[in-house]
C-alpha atoms as a PDB file:
ATOM      1  CA  MET A   1      31.302  23.676  29.475  1.00  0.00           C
ATOM      2  CA  THR A   2      31.387  26.775  31.655  1.00  0.00           C
ATOM      3  CA  THR A   3      28.366  28.217  29.859  1.00  0.00           C
ATOM      4  CA  PHE A   4      26.260  25.196  30.831  1.00  0.00           C
ATOM      5  CA  TRP A   5      25.692  26.142  34.490  1.00  0.00           C
ATOM      6  CA  PRO A   6      24.168  29.614  33.917  1.00  0.00           C
ATOM      7  CA  TRP A   7      22.014  28.157  31.165  1.00  0.00           C
ATOM      8  CA  LYS A   8      20.845  25.345  33.435  1.00  0.00           C
ATOM      9  CA  SER A   9      20.083  27.784  36.249  1.00  0.00           C
ATOM     10  CA  GLN A  10      18.108  30.045  33.938  1.00  0.00           C
ATOM     11  CA  LEU A  11      16.182  27.039  32.669  1.00  0.00           C
ATOM     12  CA  THR A  12      15.333  25.645  36.107  1.00  0.00           C
ATOM     13  CA  PHE A  13      14.545  28.959  37.814  1.00  0.00           C
ATOM     14  CA  LYS A  14      12.823  31.015  35.105  1.00  0.00           C
ATOM     15  CA  VAL A  15      11.719  28.976  32.080  1.00  0.00           C
ATOM     16  CA  ILE A  16      10.570  25.881  33.959  1.00  0.00           C
ATOM     17  CA  PRO A  17       9.620  26.952  37.492  1.00  0.00           C
ATOM     18  CA  PHE A  18      11.214  23.853  39.008  1.00  0.00           C
ATOM     19  CA  ALA A  19      12.844  25.546  41.973  1.00  0.00           C
ATOM     20  CA  PRO A  20      12.357  28.988  43.492  1.00  0.00           C
ATOM     21  CA  VAL A  21      15.124  31.563  43.498  1.00  0.00           C
ATOM     22  CA  PRO A  22      16.566  31.921  47.031  1.00  0.00           C
ATOM     23  CA  SER A  23      14.747  34.708  48.835  1.00  0.00           C
ATOM     24  CA  MET A  24      17.318  35.461  51.539  1.00  0.00           C
ATOM     25  CA  LEU A  25      21.067  35.692  52.033  1.00  0.00           C
ATOM     26  CA  PHE A  26      22.490  32.856  54.074  1.00  0.00           C
ATOM     27  CA  ASN A  27      25.833  33.680  55.686  1.00  0.00           C
ATOM     28  CA  MET A  28      26.482  30.366  57.401  1.00  0.00           C
ATOM     29  CA  TRP A  29      28.878  29.098  54.710  1.00  0.00           C
ATOM     30  CA  TYR A  30      29.987  26.207  56.920  1.00  0.00           C
ATOM     31  CA  CYS A  31      26.481  24.730  57.000  1.00  0.00           C
ATOM     32  CA  PRO A  32      26.062  21.613  54.779  1.00  0.00           C
ATOM     33  CA  PHE A  33      24.520  22.427  51.411  1.00  0.00           C
ATOM     34  CA  PRO A  34      21.265  20.474  51.783  1.00  0.00           C
ATOM     35  CA  ILE A  35      20.522  22.262  55.054  1.00  0.00           C
ATOM     36  CA  ALA A  36      21.551  25.681  53.718  1.00  0.00           C
ATOM     37  CA  THR A  37      19.455  25.094  50.602  1.00  0.00           C
ATOM     38  CA  TRP A  38      16.428  24.206  52.701  1.00  0.00           C
ATOM     39  CA  LEU A  39      16.881  27.235  54.971  1.00  0.00           C
ATOM     40  CA  THR A  40      17.251  29.758  52.131  1.00  0.00           C
ATOM     41  CA  THR A  41      14.447  28.515  49.887  1.00  0.00           C
ATOM     42  CA  GLY A  42      12.245  26.206  51.947  1.00  0.00           C
ATOM     43  CA  SER A  43      11.749  24.032  48.888  1.00  0.00           C
ATOM     44  CA  ILE A  44      12.372  20.323  48.408  1.00  0.00           C
ATOM     45  CA  THR A  45      12.803  20.880  44.670  1.00  0.00           C
ATOM     46  CA  ASP A  46      15.862  23.027  45.323  1.00  0.00           C
ATOM     47  CA  ILE A  47      17.401  20.147  47.254  1.00  0.00           C
ATOM     48  CA  ALA A  48      16.667  17.908  44.252  1.00  0.00           C
ATOM     49  CA  LEU A  49      18.292  20.496  41.968  1.00  0.00           C
ATOM     50  CA  MET A  50      21.327  20.624  44.257  1.00  0.00           C
ATOM     51  CA  ALA A  51      21.578  16.820  44.119  1.00  0.00           C
ATOM     52  CA  LEU A  52      21.312  16.947  40.321  1.00  0.00           C
ATOM     53  CA  ASN A  53      24.137  19.518  40.206  1.00  0.00           C
ATOM     54  CA  PHE A  54      26.288  17.292  42.407  1.00  0.00           C
ATOM     55  CA  ILE A  55      25.631  14.226  40.245  1.00  0.00           C
ATOM     56  CA  LEU A  56      26.404  16.109  37.027  1.00  0.00           C
ATOM     57  CA  SER A  57      29.617  17.499  38.492  1.00  0.00           C
ATOM     58  CA  TRP A  58      30.605  14.059  39.701  1.00  0.00           C
ATOM     59  CA  LEU A  59      29.989  12.567  36.250  1.00  0.00           C
ATOM     60  CA  ILE A  60      32.063  15.305  34.597  1.00  0.00           C
ATOM     61  CA  TRP A  61      35.037  15.069  36.987  1.00  0.00           C
ATOM     62  CA  MET A  62      35.172  11.318  37.675  1.00  0.00           C
ATOM     63  CA  PRO A  63      37.127  10.389  34.487  1.00  0.00           C
ATOM     64  CA  PHE A  64      39.828  12.890  35.441  1.00  0.00           C
ATOM     65  CA  PHE A  65      40.046  11.521  38.994  1.00  0.00           C
ATOM     66  CA  ARG A  66      40.262   7.962  37.706  1.00  0.00           C
ATOM     67  CA  THR A  67      43.000   8.864  35.226  1.00  0.00           C
ATOM     68  CA  TYR A  68      44.997  10.580  37.971  1.00  0.00           C
ATOM     69  CA  ASP A  69      44.483   7.627  40.308  1.00  0.00           C
ATOM     70  CA  LYS A  70      45.637   5.225  37.594  1.00  0.00           C
ATOM     71  CA  GLN A  71      48.789   7.314  37.070  1.00  0.00           C
ATOM     72  CA  LEU A  72      49.521   7.248  40.809  1.00  0.00           C
ATOM     73  CA  VAL A  73      48.963   3.483  41.034  1.00  0.00           C
ATOM     74  CA  GLU A  74      51.331   2.896  38.099  1.00  0.00           C
ATOM     75  CA  LYS A  75      53.942   5.183  39.676  1.00  0.00           C
ATOM     76  CA  GLU A  76      53.581   3.425  43.021  1.00  0.00           C
ATOM     77  CA  ALA A  77      53.900   0.001  41.369  1.00  0.00           C
ATOM     78  CA  ALA A  78      57.034   1.116  39.520  1.00  0.00           C
ATOM     79  CA  GLU A  79      58.556   2.404  42.773  1.00  0.00           C
ATOM     80  CA  ALA A  80      57.665  -0.837  44.570  1.00  0.00           C
ATOM     81  CA  GLU A  81      59.237  -2.877  41.770  1.00  0.00           C
ATOM     82  CA  GLU A  82      62.342  -0.707  41.916  1.00  0.00           C
ATOM     83  CA  ASP A  83      62.524  -1.204  45.687  1.00  0.00           C
ATOM     84  CA  GLU A  84      62.287  -4.985  45.226  1.00  0.00           C
ATOM     85  CA  ASP A  85      65.205  -4.892  42.792  1.00  0.00           C
ATOM     86  CA  ASP A  86      67.297  -2.974  45.324  1.00  0.00           C
ATOM     87  CA  ASP A  87      66.521  -5.358  48.181  1.00  0.00           C
ATOM     88  CA  TRP A  88      69.760  -6.959  49.430  1.00  0.00           C
ATOM     89  CA  SER A  89      68.307  -8.905  52.342  1.00  0.00           C
ATOM     90  CA  PHE A  90      69.119 -12.591  52.717  1.00  0.00           C
END
């Protein structure tokens, strides 16, 4: 999977001229990505490419986040059930 991103970049920048290669160095790392993308390239297509990258990353990572969340919910439910069993209140 790690070889996908360079391949995708080569495809979108060189083979299919979808988005221009950034023409300047942008040192404001704390600036939000859509704004930094616009300032370095001046192209709407680069913002679309950035959104596509975000969506693809989200689709790749979401199953892992959901699995981890499910594990935490099950652990929390087991701890809550254990706490109910230990409840001595009248």
